[in-house]
């Protein structure tokens, strides 16, 4: 598991209430802890209460305020409940980080049951939009705020056998621009972070499986992934969380409708 902040480092987000969906051992955890380390109050959503409790405990250990609400973002009712939990617990909502997503089924278009692509899109696009829909009234009441969508380099450089995921993340990038235009007059900024390969639990599993299948070391697999990256390494989930903090803060007050690539320069657009 990638190292995460364990102490308060600044008051950059002091007074802000941030909702983070898709809490788990990877980017969801890193985003929550990074936001908390800069003073944000956290409201966490995920399908598994166990995941919520684990990260909430870490937030509390660094002195942060935190609430949780078990949430499946494909349900508008559950999205509404997560937003309401933030308002009832802390009186406002300032930031939404849409991290919840569904993986691909890793099949070619010829072979896939197209309903599987529909399920991926139902979470990655429409689930995210349902979460936005739930939060916009609270952001409006607060005088504005920041929505941050977690997209993927797969949308810009679609990998073979990940067509459903790539298509959904492409839709999410377009939705980011649509919402930025429509919600801008309410002073609600909408942006996306666009990770590529991202060191963390998911990639750790990939390294292990690939190394075993090819009879090489995990370090060798990791080195191969880093070859096309100008920085010489694949960014970590903690690196991506740093970009999320920036977009949540007043430092990005003039930034909306943007997709910030956090791939170490592997793809420059």
C-alpha atoms as a PDB file:
ATOM      1  CA  UNK A   1       0.000   0.000   0.000  1.00  0.00           C
ATOM      2  CA  UNK A   2       1.412   3.395  -1.008  1.00  0.00           C
ATOM      3  CA  UNK A   3       2.389   5.649   1.873  1.00  0.00           C
ATOM      4  CA  UNK A   4      -0.308   8.180   2.775  1.00  0.00           C
ATOM      5  CA  UNK A   5      -0.163  11.339   4.896  1.00  0.00           C
ATOM      6  CA  UNK A   6      -0.648  10.681   8.594  1.00  0.00           C
ATOM      7  CA  UNK A   7      -0.518  14.212   9.993  1.00  0.00           C
ATOM      8  CA  UNK A   8      -1.988  17.620   9.291  1.00  0.00           C
ATOM      9  CA  UNK A   9       0.340  19.570   6.993  1.00  0.00           C
ATOM     10  CA  UNK A  10      -1.535  22.795   6.216  1.00  0.00           C
ATOM     11  CA  UNK A  11      -4.801  24.719   6.586  1.00  0.00           C
ATOM     12  CA  UNK A  12      -5.273  25.100   2.819  1.00  0.00           C
ATOM     13  CA  UNK A  13      -8.715  23.446   2.950  1.00  0.00           C
ATOM     14  CA  UNK A  14      -9.705  24.582   6.438  1.00  0.00           C
ATOM     15  CA  UNK A  15     -13.481  24.995   6.728  1.00  0.00           C
ATOM     16  CA  UNK A  16     -14.240  22.999   3.576  1.00  0.00           C
ATOM     17  CA  UNK A  17     -16.402  19.880   3.632  1.00  0.00           C
ATOM     18  CA  UNK A  18     -15.384  17.331   1.005  1.00  0.00           C
ATOM     19  CA  UNK A  19     -17.274  14.236  -0.138  1.00  0.00           C
ATOM     20  CA  UNK A  20     -15.164  11.421  -1.596  1.00  0.00           C
ATOM     21  CA  UNK A  21     -16.841   8.445  -3.266  1.00  0.00           C
ATOM     22  CA  UNK A  22     -15.266   5.093  -4.035  1.00  0.00           C
ATOM     23  CA  UNK A  23     -13.337   4.770  -0.785  1.00  0.00           C
ATOM     24  CA  UNK A  24     -11.024   1.759  -0.829  1.00  0.00           C
ATOM     25  CA  UNK A  25      -7.331   0.950  -0.391  1.00  0.00           C
ATOM     26  CA  UNK A  26      -6.205   2.914  -3.472  1.00  0.00           C
ATOM     27  CA  UNK A  27      -6.887   6.424  -4.766  1.00  0.00           C
ATOM     28  CA  UNK A  28     -10.059   6.864  -2.706  1.00  0.00           C
ATOM     29  CA  UNK A  29      -8.081   6.429   0.506  1.00  0.00           C
ATOM     30  CA  UNK A  30      -5.220   8.600  -0.721  1.00  0.00           C
ATOM     31  CA  UNK A  31      -7.572  11.412  -1.791  1.00  0.00           C
ATOM     32  CA  UNK A  32      -9.409  11.363   1.516  1.00  0.00           C
ATOM     33  CA  UNK A  33      -6.224  11.451   3.590  1.00  0.00           C
ATOM     34  CA  UNK A  34      -4.616  14.112   1.400  1.00  0.00           C
ATOM     35  CA  UNK A  35      -7.675  16.365   1.715  1.00  0.00           C
ATOM     36  CA  UNK A  36      -7.778  15.785   5.474  1.00  0.00           C
ATOM     37  CA  UNK A  37      -4.064  16.542   5.804  1.00  0.00           C
ATOM     38  CA  UNK A  38      -4.778  20.010   4.389  1.00  0.00           C
ATOM     39  CA  UNK A  39      -7.632  20.657   6.813  1.00  0.00           C
ATOM     40  CA  UNK A  40     -10.762  19.463   4.998  1.00  0.00           C
ATOM     41  CA  UNK A  41     -13.632  17.799   6.823  1.00  0.00           C
ATOM     42  CA  UNK A  42     -14.406  14.475   5.134  1.00  0.00           C
ATOM     43  CA  UNK A  43     -17.579  12.622   4.218  1.00  0.00           C
ATOM     44  CA  UNK A  44     -16.812   9.213   2.762  1.00  0.00           C
ATOM     45  CA  UNK A  45     -18.903   7.001   0.493  1.00  0.00           C
ATOM     46  CA  UNK A  46     -18.373   3.421  -0.708  1.00  0.00           C
ATOM     47  CA  UNK A  47     -20.380   0.250  -1.053  1.00  0.00           C
ATOM     48  CA  UNK A  48     -18.492  -1.547   1.729  1.00  0.00           C
ATOM     49  CA  UNK A  49     -18.806  -0.196   5.260  1.00  0.00           C
ATOM     50  CA  UNK A  50     -15.567  -1.983   6.175  1.00  0.00           C
ATOM     51  CA  UNK A  51     -13.635   0.175   3.703  1.00  0.00           C
ATOM     52  CA  UNK A  52     -15.303   3.314   5.019  1.00  0.00           C
ATOM     53  CA  UNK A  53     -14.517   2.470   8.631  1.00  0.00           C
ATOM     54  CA  UNK A  54     -10.842   1.788   7.899  1.00  0.00           C
ATOM     55  CA  UNK A  55     -10.229   5.127   6.172  1.00  0.00           C
ATOM     56  CA  UNK A  56     -12.429   7.057   8.616  1.00  0.00           C
ATOM     57  CA  UNK A  57     -10.241   5.738  11.416  1.00  0.00           C
ATOM     58  CA  UNK A  58      -7.132   7.064   9.658  1.00  0.00           C
ATOM     59  CA  UNK A  59      -8.733  10.477   9.131  1.00  0.00           C
ATOM     60  CA  UNK A  60      -9.742  10.656  12.786  1.00  0.00           C
ATOM     61  CA  UNK A  61      -6.238   9.625  13.860  1.00  0.00           C
ATOM     62  CA  UNK A  62      -4.813  12.746  12.228  1.00  0.00           C
ATOM     63  CA  UNK A  63      -7.376  14.877  14.055  1.00  0.00           C
ATOM     64  CA  UNK A  64      -9.819  15.283  11.183  1.00  0.00           C
ATOM     65  CA  UNK A  65     -13.584  15.307  11.318  1.00  0.00           C
ATOM     66  CA  UNK A  66     -15.223  12.561   9.302  1.00  0.00           C
ATOM     67  CA  UNK A  67     -18.591  10.944   8.578  1.00  0.00           C
ATOM     68  CA  UNK A  68     -19.451   7.947   6.407  1.00  0.00           C
ATOM     69  CA  UNK A  69     -22.407   6.675   4.420  1.00  0.00           C
ATOM     70  CA  UNK A  70     -22.552   3.356   2.569  1.00  0.00           C
ATOM     71  CA  UNK A  71     -23.239   4.325  -1.047  1.00  0.00           C
ATOM     72  CA  UNK A  72     -23.777   2.641  -4.405  1.00  0.00           C
ATOM     73  CA  UNK A  73     -23.549   5.537  -6.842  1.00  0.00           C
ATOM     74  CA  UNK A  74     -25.789   3.830  -9.388  1.00  0.00           C
ATOM     75  CA  UNK A  75     -28.657   4.620  -6.995  1.00  0.00           C
ATOM     76  CA  UNK A  76     -29.825   8.233  -7.001  1.00  0.00           C
ATOM     77  CA  UNK A  77     -31.411   7.650  -3.599  1.00  0.00           C
ATOM     78  CA  UNK A  78     -28.091   6.539  -2.105  1.00  0.00           C
ATOM     79  CA  UNK A  79     -26.236   9.449  -3.729  1.00  0.00           C
ATOM     80  CA  UNK A  80     -28.797  11.812  -2.219  1.00  0.00           C
ATOM     81  CA  UNK A  81     -28.262  10.160   1.174  1.00  0.00           C
ATOM     82  CA  UNK A  82     -24.486  10.678   0.990  1.00  0.00           C
ATOM     83  CA  UNK A  83     -24.934  14.365   0.174  1.00  0.00           C
ATOM     84  CA  UNK A  84     -27.530  14.727   2.935  1.00  0.00           C
ATOM     85  CA  UNK A  85     -25.131  13.082   5.406  1.00  0.00           C
ATOM     86  CA  UNK A  86     -22.554  15.763   4.647  1.00  0.00           C
ATOM     87  CA  UNK A  87     -25.074  18.546   5.142  1.00  0.00           C
ATOM     88  CA  UNK A  88     -26.612  17.143   8.313  1.00  0.00           C
ATOM     89  CA  UNK A  89     -23.242  16.283   9.856  1.00  0.00           C
ATOM     90  CA  UNK A  90     -21.274  19.415   8.960  1.00  0.00           C
ATOM     91  CA  UNK A  91     -23.753  21.952   7.568  1.00  0.00           C
ATOM     92  CA  UNK A  92     -22.428  22.339   4.050  1.00  0.00           C
ATOM     93  CA  UNK A  93     -20.693  20.775   1.030  1.00  0.00           C
ATOM     94  CA  UNK A  94     -17.777  22.438  -0.764  1.00  0.00           C
ATOM     95  CA  UNK A  95     -16.023  19.657  -2.666  1.00  0.00           C
ATOM     96  CA  UNK A  96     -17.037  16.423  -4.403  1.00  0.00           C
ATOM     97  CA  UNK A  97     -14.442  13.892  -5.545  1.00  0.00           C
ATOM     98  CA  UNK A  98     -16.015  11.321  -7.871  1.00  0.00           C
ATOM     99  CA  UNK A  99     -13.679   8.359  -7.499  1.00  0.00           C
ATOM    100  CA  UNK A 100     -16.135   5.429  -7.560  1.00  0.00           C
ATOM    101  CA  UNK A 101     -15.884   3.344 -10.730  1.00  0.00           C
ATOM    102  CA  UNK A 102     -16.410  -0.066 -12.282  1.00  0.00           C
ATOM    103  CA  UNK A 103     -13.614  -2.093 -13.919  1.00  0.00           C
ATOM    104  CA  UNK A 104     -13.776  -3.467 -17.441  1.00  0.00           C
ATOM    105  CA  UNK A 105     -14.488  -7.125 -18.258  1.00  0.00           C
ATOM    106  CA  UNK A 106     -11.326  -7.383 -20.425  1.00  0.00           C
ATOM    107  CA  UNK A 107     -13.011  -8.853 -23.500  1.00  0.00           C
ATOM    108  CA  UNK A 108     -12.945  -7.843 -27.147  1.00  0.00           C
ATOM    109  CA  UNK A 109     -15.980  -6.143 -28.642  1.00  0.00           C
ATOM    110  CA  UNK A 110     -16.596  -9.268 -30.749  1.00  0.00           C
ATOM    111  CA  UNK A 111     -16.898 -11.437 -27.667  1.00  0.00           C
ATOM    112  CA  UNK A 112     -18.326  -9.178 -24.977  1.00  0.00           C
ATOM    113  CA  UNK A 113     -21.919  -9.163 -23.844  1.00  0.00           C
ATOM    114  CA  UNK A 114     -22.697  -5.523 -24.659  1.00  0.00           C
ATOM    115  CA  UNK A 115     -24.784  -5.315 -21.492  1.00  0.00           C
ATOM    116  CA  UNK A 116     -21.474  -5.428 -19.608  1.00  0.00           C
ATOM    117  CA  UNK A 117     -20.387  -2.194 -21.287  1.00  0.00           C
ATOM    118  CA  UNK A 118     -23.731  -0.712 -20.316  1.00  0.00           C
ATOM    119  CA  UNK A 119     -23.107  -1.630 -16.663  1.00  0.00           C
ATOM    120  CA  UNK A 120     -19.651  -0.018 -16.788  1.00  0.00           C
ATOM    121  CA  UNK A 121     -21.132   3.166 -18.236  1.00  0.00           C
ATOM    122  CA  UNK A 122     -23.969   3.085 -15.702  1.00  0.00           C
ATOM    123  CA  UNK A 123     -21.391   3.439 -12.924  1.00  0.00           C
ATOM    124  CA  UNK A 124     -18.571   5.445 -14.484  1.00  0.00           C
ATOM    125  CA  UNK A 125     -20.725   8.021 -16.264  1.00  0.00           C
ATOM    126  CA  UNK A 126     -24.281   7.968 -14.976  1.00  0.00           C
ATOM    127  CA  UNK A 127     -23.329   7.062 -11.401  1.00  0.00           C
ATOM    128  CA  UNK A 128     -20.952  10.007 -11.355  1.00  0.00           C
ATOM    129  CA  UNK A 129     -23.671  12.268 -12.780  1.00  0.00           C
ATOM    130  CA  UNK A 130     -26.106  11.053 -10.122  1.00  0.00           C
ATOM    131  CA  UNK A 131     -23.580  11.991  -7.451  1.00  0.00           C
ATOM    132  CA  UNK A 132     -23.156  15.424  -9.053  1.00  0.00           C
ATOM    133  CA  UNK A 133     -26.926  15.841  -9.199  1.00  0.00           C
ATOM    134  CA  UNK A 134     -27.157  15.079  -5.482  1.00  0.00           C
ATOM    135  CA  UNK A 135     -24.460  17.565  -4.499  1.00  0.00           C
ATOM    136  CA  UNK A 136     -25.171  20.564  -6.747  1.00  0.00           C
ATOM    137  CA  UNK A 137     -27.928  22.044  -4.524  1.00  0.00           C
ATOM    138  CA  UNK A 138     -25.574  22.008  -1.538  1.00  0.00           C
ATOM    139  CA  UNK A 139     -22.695  23.507  -3.502  1.00  0.00           C
ATOM    140  CA  UNK A 140     -25.049  26.207  -4.763  1.00  0.00           C
ATOM    141  CA  UNK A 141     -26.194  26.966  -1.218  1.00  0.00           C
ATOM    142  CA  UNK A 142     -22.530  27.282  -0.172  1.00  0.00           C
ATOM    143  CA  UNK A 143     -21.930  29.872  -2.889  1.00  0.00           C
ATOM    144  CA  UNK A 144     -20.016  27.515  -5.145  1.00  0.00           C
ATOM    145  CA  UNK A 145     -17.492  24.735  -4.901  1.00  0.00           C
ATOM    146  CA  UNK A 146     -15.436  22.176  -6.752  1.00  0.00           C
ATOM    147  CA  UNK A 147     -16.340  18.871  -8.411  1.00  0.00           C
ATOM    148  CA  UNK A 148     -13.406  16.640  -9.334  1.00  0.00           C
ATOM    149  CA  UNK A 149     -13.965  13.616 -11.567  1.00  0.00           C
ATOM    150  CA  UNK A 150     -11.435  10.818 -11.761  1.00  0.00           C
ATOM    151  CA  UNK A 151     -11.047   9.902 -15.429  1.00  0.00           C
ATOM    152  CA  UNK A 152      -8.345   7.760 -17.054  1.00  0.00           C
ATOM    153  CA  UNK A 153      -5.659   7.886 -19.728  1.00  0.00           C
ATOM    154  CA  UNK A 154      -7.584   4.947 -21.221  1.00  0.00           C
ATOM    155  CA  UNK A 155      -9.992   7.533 -22.626  1.00  0.00           C
ATOM    156  CA  UNK A 156      -7.147   9.174 -24.574  1.00  0.00           C
ATOM    157  CA  UNK A 157      -5.201   6.011 -25.417  1.00  0.00           C
ATOM    158  CA  UNK A 158      -7.678   3.105 -25.303  1.00  0.00           C
ATOM    159  CA  UNK A 159      -6.024  -0.188 -24.348  1.00  0.00           C
ATOM    160  CA  UNK A 160      -6.951  -3.406 -26.106  1.00  0.00           C
ATOM    161  CA  UNK A 161      -9.665  -5.357 -24.236  1.00  0.00           C
ATOM    162  CA  UNK A 162     -10.654  -2.343 -22.130  1.00  0.00           C
ATOM    163  CA  UNK A 163     -13.087  -0.782 -24.573  1.00  0.00           C
ATOM    164  CA  UNK A 164     -15.970  -0.509 -22.141  1.00  0.00           C
ATOM    165  CA  UNK A 165     -13.874   1.254 -19.522  1.00  0.00           C
ATOM    166  CA  UNK A 166     -12.195   3.531 -22.070  1.00  0.00           C
ATOM    167  CA  UNK A 167     -15.530   4.465 -23.616  1.00  0.00           C
ATOM    168  CA  UNK A 168     -17.038   5.273 -20.239  1.00  0.00           C
ATOM    169  CA  UNK A 169     -14.105   7.444 -19.184  1.00  0.00           C
ATOM    170  CA  UNK A 170     -14.282   9.282 -22.514  1.00  0.00           C
ATOM    171  CA  UNK A 171     -17.910  10.031 -21.748  1.00  0.00           C
ATOM    172  CA  UNK A 172     -16.903  11.255 -18.309  1.00  0.00           C
ATOM    173  CA  UNK A 173     -14.397  13.708 -19.809  1.00  0.00           C
ATOM    174  CA  UNK A 174     -17.105  15.149 -22.048  1.00  0.00           C
ATOM    175  CA  UNK A 175     -19.535  15.333 -19.123  1.00  0.00           C
ATOM    176  CA  UNK A 176     -16.897  17.257 -17.176  1.00  0.00           C
ATOM    177  CA  UNK A 177     -16.868  19.976 -19.828  1.00  0.00           C
ATOM    178  CA  UNK A 178     -20.672  20.032 -20.086  1.00  0.00           C
ATOM    179  CA  UNK A 179     -21.103  20.477 -16.340  1.00  0.00           C
ATOM    180  CA  UNK A 180     -18.332  23.064 -16.149  1.00  0.00           C
ATOM    181  CA  UNK A 181     -20.180  25.187 -18.695  1.00  0.00           C
ATOM    182  CA  UNK A 182     -23.590  24.793 -17.124  1.00  0.00           C
ATOM    183  CA  UNK A 183     -22.569  25.129 -13.483  1.00  0.00           C
ATOM    184  CA  UNK A 184     -19.994  27.888 -13.918  1.00  0.00           C
ATOM    185  CA  UNK A 185     -22.561  30.677 -13.333  1.00  0.00           C
ATOM    186  CA  UNK A 186     -23.216  29.103  -9.918  1.00  0.00           C
ATOM    187  CA  UNK A 187     -19.460  29.337  -9.163  1.00  0.00           C
ATOM    188  CA  UNK A 188     -19.212  25.554  -9.243  1.00  0.00           C
ATOM    189  CA  UNK A 189     -15.993  24.432 -10.892  1.00  0.00           C
ATOM    190  CA  UNK A 190     -15.879  21.004 -12.570  1.00  0.00           C
ATOM    191  CA  UNK A 191     -12.571  19.410 -13.527  1.00  0.00           C
ATOM    192  CA  UNK A 192     -11.023  15.977 -13.965  1.00  0.00           C
ATOM    193  CA  UNK A 193      -7.771  14.270 -13.127  1.00  0.00           C
ATOM    194  CA  UNK A 194      -6.566  11.784 -15.733  1.00  0.00           C
ATOM    195  CA  UNK A 195      -4.237   9.127 -14.308  1.00  0.00           C
ATOM    196  CA  UNK A 196      -2.363   6.614 -16.431  1.00  0.00           C
ATOM    197  CA  UNK A 197      -0.572   3.717 -14.780  1.00  0.00           C
ATOM    198  CA  UNK A 198      -0.777   4.534 -11.091  1.00  0.00           C
ATOM    199  CA  UNK A 199       1.326   2.842  -8.432  1.00  0.00           C
ATOM    200  CA  UNK A 200      -0.943   1.501  -5.730  1.00  0.00           C
ATOM    201  CA  UNK A 201      -2.920  -1.631  -4.789  1.00  0.00           C
ATOM    202  CA  UNK A 202      -4.399  -2.299  -8.248  1.00  0.00           C
ATOM    203  CA  UNK A 203      -1.061  -2.008 -10.051  1.00  0.00           C
ATOM    204  CA  UNK A 204       0.641  -4.033  -7.309  1.00  0.00           C
ATOM    205  CA  UNK A 205      -1.744  -6.879  -8.138  1.00  0.00           C
ATOM    206  CA  UNK A 206      -1.042  -6.464 -11.862  1.00  0.00           C
ATOM    207  CA  UNK A 207       2.723  -6.561 -11.243  1.00  0.00           C
ATOM    208  CA  UNK A 208       2.436  -9.765  -9.251  1.00  0.00           C
ATOM    209  CA  UNK A 209       0.220 -11.529 -11.786  1.00  0.00           C
ATOM    210  CA  UNK A 210       2.310 -10.421 -14.786  1.00  0.00           C
ATOM    211  CA  UNK A 211       5.614 -11.321 -13.141  1.00  0.00           C
ATOM    212  CA  UNK A 212       4.358 -14.796 -12.288  1.00  0.00           C
ATOM    213  CA  UNK A 213       2.923 -15.350 -15.772  1.00  0.00           C
ATOM    214  CA  UNK A 214       6.140 -14.262 -17.519  1.00  0.00           C
ATOM    215  CA  UNK A 215       8.637 -15.692 -15.033  1.00  0.00           C
ATOM    216  CA  UNK A 216      10.304 -12.345 -14.334  1.00  0.00           C
ATOM    217  CA  UNK A 217      10.544 -10.051 -11.316  1.00  0.00           C
ATOM    218  CA  UNK A 218       7.948  -7.465 -10.404  1.00  0.00           C
ATOM    219  CA  UNK A 219      10.661  -4.805 -10.599  1.00  0.00           C
ATOM    220  CA  UNK A 220      11.249  -5.783 -14.243  1.00  0.00           C
ATOM    221  CA  UNK A 221       7.552  -5.377 -15.049  1.00  0.00           C
ATOM    222  CA  UNK A 222       7.483  -2.023 -13.280  1.00  0.00           C
ATOM    223  CA  UNK A 223      10.566  -0.857 -15.185  1.00  0.00           C
ATOM    224  CA  UNK A 224       8.859  -1.746 -18.479  1.00  0.00           C
ATOM    225  CA  UNK A 225       5.797   0.293 -17.542  1.00  0.00           C
ATOM    226  CA  UNK A 226       8.025   3.288 -16.790  1.00  0.00           C
ATOM    227  CA  UNK A 227       9.879   3.227 -20.148  1.00  0.00           C
ATOM    228  CA  UNK A 228       7.499   5.618 -21.993  1.00  0.00           C
ATOM    229  CA  UNK A 229       7.177   7.964 -19.011  1.00  0.00           C
ATOM    230  CA  UNK A 230       9.472  11.031 -19.215  1.00  0.00           C
ATOM    231  CA  UNK A 231       9.736  11.215 -15.420  1.00  0.00           C
ATOM    232  CA  UNK A 232      11.143   7.696 -15.434  1.00  0.00           C
ATOM    233  CA  UNK A 233       8.528   6.297 -13.050  1.00  0.00           C
ATOM    234  CA  UNK A 234       4.813   5.747 -13.006  1.00  0.00           C
ATOM    235  CA  UNK A 235       3.073   8.189 -10.657  1.00  0.00           C
ATOM    236  CA  UNK A 236       1.592   6.881  -7.427  1.00  0.00           C
ATOM    237  CA  UNK A 237      -1.978   7.215  -6.230  1.00  0.00           C
ATOM    238  CA  UNK A 238      -0.612   9.702  -3.697  1.00  0.00           C
ATOM    239  CA  UNK A 239       0.707  11.837  -6.575  1.00  0.00           C
ATOM    240  CA  UNK A 240      -2.752  11.886  -8.143  1.00  0.00           C
ATOM    241  CA  UNK A 241      -4.273  12.789  -4.786  1.00  0.00           C
ATOM    242  CA  UNK A 242      -2.042  15.871  -4.796  1.00  0.00           C
ATOM    243  CA  UNK A 243      -3.666  17.055  -8.012  1.00  0.00           C
ATOM    244  CA  UNK A 244      -7.061  16.499  -6.409  1.00  0.00           C
ATOM    245  CA  UNK A 245      -6.070  18.712  -3.468  1.00  0.00           C
ATOM    246  CA  UNK A 246      -5.047  21.446  -5.906  1.00  0.00           C
ATOM    247  CA  UNK A 247      -8.393  21.297  -7.718  1.00  0.00           C
ATOM    248  CA  UNK A 248     -10.276  21.306  -4.422  1.00  0.00           C
ATOM    249  CA  UNK A 249      -8.476  24.400  -3.196  1.00  0.00           C
ATOM    250  CA  UNK A 250      -8.678  28.113  -3.920  1.00  0.00           C
ATOM    251  CA  UNK A 251      -5.334  27.797  -5.730  1.00  0.00           C
ATOM    252  CA  UNK A 252      -7.339  26.553  -8.724  1.00  0.00           C
ATOM    253  CA  UNK A 253     -10.099  29.156  -8.441  1.00  0.00           C
ATOM    254  CA  UNK A 254      -9.828  30.058 -12.158  1.00  0.00           C
ATOM    255  CA  UNK A 255      -9.654  26.445 -13.359  1.00  0.00           C
ATOM    256  CA  UNK A 256     -12.782  24.741 -14.691  1.00  0.00           C
ATOM    257  CA  UNK A 257     -13.624  22.409 -17.545  1.00  0.00           C
ATOM    258  CA  UNK A 258     -10.076  21.033 -17.518  1.00  0.00           C
ATOM    259  CA  UNK A 259      -8.680  17.506 -17.565  1.00  0.00           C
ATOM    260  CA  UNK A 260      -5.328  17.453 -15.809  1.00  0.00           C
ATOM    261  CA  UNK A 261      -3.174  14.560 -16.977  1.00  0.00           C
ATOM    262  CA  UNK A 262      -1.361  12.968 -14.043  1.00  0.00           C
ATOM    263  CA  UNK A 263       0.550  10.319 -15.977  1.00  0.00           C
ATOM    264  CA  UNK A 264       4.115  11.549 -15.586  1.00  0.00           C
ATOM    265  CA  UNK A 265       4.104  12.821 -19.166  1.00  0.00           C
ATOM    266  CA  UNK A 266       3.439   9.443 -20.796  1.00  0.00           C
ATOM    267  CA  UNK A 267       0.772  11.093 -22.910  1.00  0.00           C
ATOM    268  CA  UNK A 268       0.872  14.818 -23.604  1.00  0.00           C
ATOM    269  CA  UNK A 269      -2.214  16.448 -25.102  1.00  0.00           C
END
